[in-house]
PDB file of N, CA and C in Angstrom:
ATOM      1  N   MET A   1       6.073 -27.041  21.059  1.00  0.00           N
ATOM      2  CA  MET A   1       5.575 -25.738  21.342  1.00  0.00           C
ATOM      3  C   MET A   1       5.900 -25.576  22.796  1.00  0.00           C
ATOM      4  N   LYS A   2       6.538 -24.454  23.094  1.00  0.00           N
ATOM      5  CA  LYS A   2       7.136 -24.104  24.475  1.00  0.00           C
ATOM      6  C   LYS A   2       6.098 -22.960  25.086  1.00  0.00           C
ATOM      7  N   ILE A   3       5.884 -22.966  26.093  1.00  0.00           N
ATOM      8  CA  ILE A   3       4.710 -21.936  26.945  1.00  0.00           C
ATOM      9  C   ILE A   3       5.621 -21.259  28.105  1.00  0.00           C
ATOM     10  N   TYR A   4       5.766 -19.965  27.679  1.00  0.00           N
ATOM     11  CA  TYR A   4       6.431 -18.980  28.762  1.00  0.00           C
ATOM     12  C   TYR A   4       5.357 -18.341  29.532  1.00  0.00           C
ATOM     13  N   THR A   5       5.681 -17.861  30.777  1.00  0.00           N
ATOM     14  CA  THR A   5       4.718 -16.920  31.491  1.00  0.00           C
ATOM     15  C   THR A   5       5.390 -15.594  30.902  1.00  0.00           C
ATOM     16  N   TYR A   6       4.543 -14.532  31.098  1.00  0.00           N
ATOM     17  CA  TYR A   6       4.783 -13.449  30.864  1.00  0.00           C
ATOM     18  C   TYR A   6       6.136 -12.708  31.339  1.00  0.00           C
ATOM     19  N   SER A   7       6.391 -13.090  32.835  1.00  0.00           N
ATOM     20  CA  SER A   7       7.738 -12.748  33.507  1.00  0.00           C
ATOM     21  C   SER A   7       8.759 -13.563  32.652  1.00  0.00           C
ATOM     22  N   GLN A   8       8.566 -14.606  32.452  1.00  0.00           N
ATOM     23  CA  GLN A   8       9.914 -15.214  31.842  1.00  0.00           C
ATOM     24  C   GLN A   8      10.092 -14.862  30.522  1.00  0.00           C
ATOM     25  N   ALA A   9       9.142 -14.464  29.557  1.00  0.00           N
ATOM     26  CA  ALA A   9       9.403 -14.075  28.468  1.00  0.00           C
ATOM     27  C   ALA A   9      10.121 -12.808  28.433  1.00  0.00           C
ATOM     28  N   ARG A  10       9.643 -11.790  29.527  1.00  0.00           N
ATOM     29  CA  ARG A  10      10.391 -10.536  29.614  1.00  0.00           C
ATOM     30  C   ARG A  10      11.944 -10.860  29.881  1.00  0.00           C
ATOM     31  N   GLN A  11      12.161 -11.691  30.679  1.00  0.00           N
ATOM     32  CA  GLN A  11      13.664 -11.963  30.994  1.00  0.00           C
ATOM     33  C   GLN A  11      14.347 -12.610  29.792  1.00  0.00           C
ATOM     34  N   LYS A  12      13.788 -13.368  29.077  1.00  0.00           N
ATOM     35  CA  LYS A  12      14.499 -14.170  27.984  1.00  0.00           C
ATOM     36  C   LYS A  12      13.962 -13.666  26.597  1.00  0.00           C
ATOM     37  N   LEU A  13      13.599 -12.544  26.468  1.00  0.00           N
ATOM     38  CA  LEU A  13      13.055 -12.174  25.111  1.00  0.00           C
ATOM     39  C   LEU A  13      14.061 -12.539  23.855  1.00  0.00           C
ATOM     40  N   ALA A  14      15.148 -12.260  24.022  1.00  0.00           N
ATOM     41  CA  ALA A  14      16.204 -12.575  22.980  1.00  0.00           C
ATOM     42  C   ALA A  14      16.113 -13.962  22.400  1.00  0.00           C
ATOM     43  N   ASN A  15      16.321 -15.038  23.554  1.00  0.00           N
ATOM     44  CA  ASN A  15      16.400 -16.384  23.562  1.00  0.00           C
ATOM     45  C   ASN A  15      14.924 -16.896  22.742  1.00  0.00           C
ATOM     46  N   ILE A  16      13.909 -16.434  23.337  1.00  0.00           N
ATOM     47  CA  ILE A  16      12.596 -16.842  22.646  1.00  0.00           C
ATOM     48  C   ILE A  16      12.129 -16.354  21.464  1.00  0.00           C
ATOM     49  N   LEU A  17      12.726 -15.298  20.943  1.00  0.00           N
ATOM     50  CA  LEU A  17      12.597 -15.010  19.540  1.00  0.00           C
ATOM     51  C   LEU A  17      13.425 -15.944  18.553  1.00  0.00           C
ATOM     52  N   GLU A  18      14.492 -16.203  19.118  1.00  0.00           N
ATOM     53  CA  GLU A  18      15.350 -17.114  18.376  1.00  0.00           C
ATOM     54  C   GLU A  18      14.653 -18.454  18.233  1.00  0.00           C
ATOM     55  N   GLU A  19      14.161 -18.902  19.379  1.00  0.00           N
ATOM     56  CA  GLU A  19      13.333 -20.430  19.543  1.00  0.00           C
ATOM     57  C   GLU A  19      12.316 -20.263  18.441  1.00  0.00           C
ATOM     58  N   SER A  20      11.633 -19.163  18.451  1.00  0.00           N
ATOM     59  CA  SER A  20      10.530 -19.124  17.569  1.00  0.00           C
ATOM     60  C   SER A  20      10.770 -19.309  16.097  1.00  0.00           C
ATOM     61  N   LYS A  21      11.836 -19.265  15.638  1.00  0.00           N
ATOM     62  CA  LYS A  21      12.313 -19.629  14.367  1.00  0.00           C
ATOM     63  C   LYS A  21      12.166 -20.878  14.208  1.00  0.00           C
ATOM     64  N   SER A  22      12.056 -21.807  15.190  1.00  0.00           N
ATOM     65  CA  SER A  22      12.341 -23.349  14.905  1.00  0.00           C
ATOM     66  C   SER A  22      11.181 -23.993  15.367  1.00  0.00           C
ATOM     67  N   GLU A  23      10.359 -23.435  16.277  1.00  0.00           N
ATOM     68  CA  GLU A  23       9.130 -23.848  16.871  1.00  0.00           C
ATOM     69  C   GLU A  23       8.147 -23.109  17.311  1.00  0.00           C
ATOM     70  N   GLU A  24       6.771 -23.183  17.661  1.00  0.00           N
ATOM     71  CA  GLU A  24       5.916 -22.505  18.257  1.00  0.00           C
ATOM     72  C   GLU A  24       6.196 -22.211  19.590  1.00  0.00           C
ATOM     73  N   VAL A  25       6.006 -20.724  19.871  1.00  0.00           N
ATOM     74  CA  VAL A  25       6.280 -20.189  21.311  1.00  0.00           C
ATOM     75  C   VAL A  25       4.941 -19.672  21.673  1.00  0.00           C
ATOM     76  N   VAL A  26       4.529 -19.821  22.814  1.00  0.00           N
ATOM     77  CA  VAL A  26       3.280 -19.230  23.425  1.00  0.00           C
ATOM     78  C   VAL A  26       3.665 -18.388  24.803  1.00  0.00           C
ATOM     79  N   ILE A  27       3.237 -17.514  24.697  1.00  0.00           N
ATOM     80  CA  ILE A  27       3.355 -16.479  26.133  1.00  0.00           C
ATOM     81  C   ILE A  27       1.950 -16.315  26.732  1.00  0.00           C
ATOM     82  N   ARG A  28       1.826 -16.758  27.896  1.00  0.00           N
ATOM     83  CA  ARG A  28       0.605 -16.972  28.952  1.00  0.00           C
ATOM     84  C   ARG A  28       0.637 -15.579  29.744  1.00  0.00           C
ATOM     85  N   ARG A  29      -0.339 -14.827  29.743  1.00  0.00           N
ATOM     86  CA  ARG A  29      -0.382 -13.862  31.072  1.00  0.00           C
ATOM     87  C   ARG A  29      -1.012 -14.535  32.139  1.00  0.00           C
ATOM     88  N   ARG A  30      -0.991 -13.596  33.189  1.00  0.00           N
ATOM     89  CA  ARG A  30      -1.706 -14.047  34.340  1.00  0.00           C
ATOM     90  C   ARG A  30      -3.374 -14.224  34.435  1.00  0.00           C
ATOM     91  N   GLY A  31      -3.743 -13.344  33.444  1.00  0.00           N
ATOM     92  CA  GLY A  31      -5.187 -13.373  33.257  1.00  0.00           C
ATOM     93  C   GLY A  31      -5.577 -14.393  32.229  1.00  0.00           C
ATOM     94  N   GLY A  32      -4.747 -15.056  31.872  1.00  0.00           N
ATOM     95  CA  GLY A  32      -5.138 -16.082  30.823  1.00  0.00           C
ATOM     96  C   GLY A  32      -4.911 -15.874  29.376  1.00  0.00           C
ATOM     97  N   ASP A  33      -4.950 -14.610  29.137  1.00  0.00           N
ATOM     98  CA  ASP A  33      -4.500 -14.346  27.727  1.00  0.00           C
ATOM     99  C   ASP A  33      -3.276 -14.994  27.097  1.00  0.00           C
ATOM    100  N   THR A  34      -3.379 -15.575  25.974  1.00  0.00           N
ATOM    101  CA  THR A  34      -2.154 -16.323  25.496  1.00  0.00           C
ATOM    102  C   THR A  34      -1.792 -15.435  24.076  1.00  0.00           C
ATOM    103  N   PHE A  35      -0.569 -15.641  23.671  1.00  0.00           N
ATOM    104  CA  PHE A  35       0.085 -14.863  22.585  1.00  0.00           C
ATOM    105  C   PHE A  35       1.172 -15.710  21.834  1.00  0.00           C
ATOM    106  N   THR A  36       0.964 -16.085  20.552  1.00  0.00           N
ATOM    107  CA  THR A  36       2.108 -16.891  20.018  1.00  0.00           C
ATOM    108  C   THR A  36       2.844 -16.062  19.147  1.00  0.00           C
ATOM    109  N   ILE A  37       4.145 -16.495  19.270  1.00  0.00           N
ATOM    110  CA  ILE A  37       5.353 -15.480  18.277  1.00  0.00           C
ATOM    111  C   ILE A  37       5.555 -16.417  17.330  1.00  0.00           C
ATOM    112  N   VAL A  38       5.356 -15.708  16.255  1.00  0.00           N
ATOM    113  CA  VAL A  38       5.544 -16.178  14.733  1.00  0.00           C
ATOM    114  C   VAL A  38       6.665 -15.317  14.067  1.00  0.00           C
ATOM    115  N   PRO A  39       7.780 -15.876  13.690  1.00  0.00           N
ATOM    116  CA  PRO A  39       8.537 -14.891  12.854  1.00  0.00           C
ATOM    117  C   PRO A  39       8.062 -14.448  11.542  1.00  0.00           C
ATOM    118  N   LYS A  40       8.311 -13.391  11.252  1.00  0.00           N
ATOM    119  CA  LYS A  40       7.794 -12.751   9.836  1.00  0.00           C
ATOM    120  C   LYS A  40       8.833 -13.235   8.848  1.00  0.00           C
ATOM    121  N   LYS A  41       8.339 -13.791   7.444  1.00  0.00           N
ATOM    122  CA  LYS A  41       9.207 -14.150   6.669  1.00  0.00           C
ATOM    123  C   LYS A  41       9.675 -12.919   5.960  1.00  0.00           C
ATOM    124  N   SER A  42      11.174 -12.938   5.845  1.00  0.00           N
ATOM    125  CA  SER A  42      11.569 -11.700   5.154  1.00  0.00           C
ATOM    126  C   SER A  42      11.960 -12.222   3.596  1.00  0.00           C
ATOM    127  N   ARG A  43      11.398 -11.251   3.030  1.00  0.00           N
ATOM    128  CA  ARG A  43      11.482 -11.330   1.442  1.00  0.00           C
ATOM    129  C   ARG A  43      12.765 -10.327   0.975  1.00  0.00           C
ATOM    130  N   ARG A  44      13.749 -10.637   0.527  1.00  0.00           N
ATOM    131  CA  ARG A  44      14.739  -9.942   0.316  1.00  0.00           C
ATOM    132  C   ARG A  44      14.572  -9.557  -1.378  1.00  0.00           C
ATOM    133  N   ARG A  45      14.168  -8.502  -1.717  1.00  0.00           N
ATOM    134  CA  ARG A  45      13.549  -8.067  -3.009  1.00  0.00           C
ATOM    135  C   ARG A  45      14.174  -6.687  -3.372  1.00  0.00           C
ATOM    136  N   SER A  46      14.451  -6.615  -4.636  1.00  0.00           N
ATOM    137  CA  SER A  46      14.768  -5.389  -5.180  1.00  0.00           C
ATOM    138  C   SER A  46      13.624  -4.467  -5.192  1.00  0.00           C
ATOM    139  N   PRO A  47      13.731  -3.093  -5.008  1.00  0.00           N
ATOM    140  CA  PRO A  47      12.596  -2.335  -5.208  1.00  0.00           C
ATOM    141  C   PRO A  47      12.138  -2.424  -6.608  1.00  0.00           C
ATOM    142  N   PHE A  48      13.005  -2.720  -7.614  1.00  0.00           N
ATOM    143  CA  PHE A  48      12.796  -2.725  -8.985  1.00  0.00           C
ATOM    144  C   PHE A  48      12.061  -3.967  -9.516  1.00  0.00           C
ATOM    145  N   ASP A  49      12.067  -4.849  -8.576  1.00  0.00           N
ATOM    146  CA  ASP A  49      11.495  -6.159  -8.800  1.00  0.00           C
ATOM    147  C   ASP A  49       9.938  -6.166  -8.645  1.00  0.00           C
ATOM    148  N   VAL A  50       9.389  -5.769  -9.810  1.00  0.00           N
ATOM    149  CA  VAL A  50       7.931  -5.622  -9.988  1.00  0.00           C
ATOM    150  C   VAL A  50       7.277  -6.663 -11.016  1.00  0.00           C
ATOM    151  N   GLN A  51       6.086  -7.218 -10.515  1.00  0.00           N
ATOM    152  CA  GLN A  51       5.378  -8.037 -11.515  1.00  0.00           C
ATOM    153  C   GLN A  51       5.058  -7.425 -12.672  1.00  0.00           C
ATOM    154  N   GLY A  52       5.134  -8.266 -13.688  1.00  0.00           N
ATOM    155  CA  GLY A  52       4.924  -7.614 -15.011  1.00  0.00           C
ATOM    156  C   GLY A  52       3.296  -7.682 -15.639  1.00  0.00           C
ATOM    157  N   LEU A  53       3.089  -7.001 -16.600  1.00  0.00           N
ATOM    158  CA  LEU A  53       1.307  -6.879 -16.966  1.00  0.00           C
ATOM    159  C   LEU A  53       1.525  -7.823 -18.179  1.00  0.00           C
ATOM    160  N   LYS A  54       0.455  -8.280 -18.463  1.00  0.00           N
ATOM    161  CA  LYS A  54       0.116  -9.320 -19.545  1.00  0.00           C
ATOM    162  C   LYS A  54      -0.971  -8.507 -20.586  1.00  0.00           C
ATOM    163  N   LYS A  55       0.024  -7.636 -21.247  1.00  0.00           N
ATOM    164  CA  LYS A  55      -1.039  -6.660 -22.206  1.00  0.00           C
ATOM    165  C   LYS A  55      -0.294  -7.061 -23.615  1.00  0.00           C
ATOM    166  N   LEU A  56      -1.165  -7.189 -24.608  1.00  0.00           N
ATOM    167  CA  LEU A  56      -0.921  -7.457 -25.781  1.00  0.00           C
ATOM    168  C   LEU A  56      -0.424  -6.049 -26.619  1.00  0.00           C
ATOM    169  N   ILE A  57       0.794  -5.442 -25.923  1.00  0.00           N
ATOM    170  CA  ILE A  57       1.214  -4.168 -26.638  1.00  0.00           C
ATOM    171  C   ILE A  57       2.411  -4.532 -27.551  1.00  0.00           C
ATOM    172  N   PRO A  58       2.359  -4.085 -28.803  1.00  0.00           N
ATOM    173  CA  PRO A  58       3.598  -4.400 -29.403  1.00  0.00           C
ATOM    174  C   PRO A  58       4.845  -3.694 -29.000  1.00  0.00           C
ATOM    175  N   ARG A  59       5.860  -4.298 -29.155  1.00  0.00           N
ATOM    176  CA  ARG A  59       7.193  -3.773 -28.689  1.00  0.00           C
ATOM    177  C   ARG A  59       7.401  -2.380 -29.088  1.00  0.00           C
ATOM    178  N   GLU A  60       7.161  -2.350 -30.341  1.00  0.00           N
ATOM    179  CA  GLU A  60       7.282  -0.752 -31.016  1.00  0.00           C
ATOM    180  C   GLU A  60       6.700   0.274 -30.406  1.00  0.00           C
ATOM    181  N   ASP A  61       5.425   0.012 -30.180  1.00  0.00           N
ATOM    182  CA  ASP A  61       4.607   0.894 -29.476  1.00  0.00           C
ATOM    183  C   ASP A  61       5.292   1.228 -28.206  1.00  0.00           C
ATOM    184  N   ILE A  62       5.527   0.321 -27.305  1.00  0.00           N
ATOM    185  CA  ILE A  62       6.128   0.678 -25.942  1.00  0.00           C
ATOM    186  C   ILE A  62       7.473   1.592 -26.224  1.00  0.00           C
ATOM    187  N   LEU A  63       8.243   1.173 -26.939  1.00  0.00           N
ATOM    188  CA  LEU A  63       9.430   2.082 -27.510  1.00  0.00           C
ATOM    189  C   LEU A  63       9.182   3.323 -27.875  1.00  0.00           C
ATOM    190  N   GLU A  64       8.181   3.579 -28.602  1.00  0.00           N
ATOM    191  CA  GLU A  64       7.752   4.688 -29.199  1.00  0.00           C
ATOM    192  C   GLU A  64       7.289   5.605 -27.819  1.00  0.00           C
ATOM    193  N   ALA A  65       6.434   5.022 -27.062  1.00  0.00           N
ATOM    194  CA  ALA A  65       5.881   5.886 -25.946  1.00  0.00           C
ATOM    195  C   ALA A  65       7.248   6.256 -24.943  1.00  0.00           C
ATOM    196  N   ILE A  66       8.097   5.415 -24.886  1.00  0.00           N
ATOM    197  CA  ILE A  66       9.459   5.830 -24.181  1.00  0.00           C
ATOM    198  C   ILE A  66      10.073   6.959 -24.692  1.00  0.00           C
ATOM    199  N   ARG A  67      10.167   6.961 -26.045  1.00  0.00           N
ATOM    200  CA  ARG A  67      10.923   8.080 -26.789  1.00  0.00           C
ATOM    201  C   ARG A  67      10.149   9.409 -26.535  1.00  0.00           C
ATOM    202  N   GLU A  68       8.814   9.325 -26.757  1.00  0.00           N
ATOM    203  CA  GLU A  68       7.988  10.407 -26.688  1.00  0.00           C
ATOM    204  C   GLU A  68       8.014  11.041 -25.270  1.00  0.00           C
ATOM    205  N   SER A  69       8.114  10.247 -24.523  1.00  0.00           N
ATOM    206  CA  SER A  69       8.148  10.918 -22.887  1.00  0.00           C
ATOM    207  C   SER A  69       9.440  11.319 -22.630  1.00  0.00           C
ATOM    208  N   ARG A  70      10.587  10.816 -23.179  1.00  0.00           N
ATOM    209  CA  ARG A  70      11.980  11.569 -22.959  1.00  0.00           C
ATOM    210  C   ARG A  70      12.090  12.827 -23.616  1.00  0.00           C
ATOM    211  N   GLU A  71      11.351  12.998 -24.851  1.00  0.00           N
ATOM    212  CA  GLU A  71      11.384  14.209 -25.519  1.00  0.00           C
ATOM    213  C   GLU A  71      10.815  15.301 -24.834  1.00  0.00           C
ATOM    214  N   ARG A  72       9.896  15.217 -23.846  1.00  0.00           N
ATOM    215  CA  ARG A  72       9.311  16.372 -23.183  1.00  0.00           C
ATOM    216  C   ARG A  72      10.080  16.785 -22.357  1.00  0.00           C
ATOM    217  N   PHE A  73      11.212  16.172 -21.780  1.00  0.00           N
ATOM    218  CA  PHE A  73      12.159  16.803 -20.854  1.00  0.00           C
ATOM    219  C   PHE A  73      13.413  17.515 -21.558  1.00  0.00           C
TER     220      PHE A  73
END
């Protein structure tokens, strides 16, 4: 764990953000407040990647509903 003062963190922000990927980084302000920088885990997912539903609907009923919805337009 590395600890930086607020002034140090302002001067080295890009480096500190990189460091936070491999170890805990703490920034301490003059008044005693401390903050931990933790990288947010990115999840590269398609917007079409949706969780399925566990319903016992027959395939034919689903296909029929799709056909009906398409006929309306």
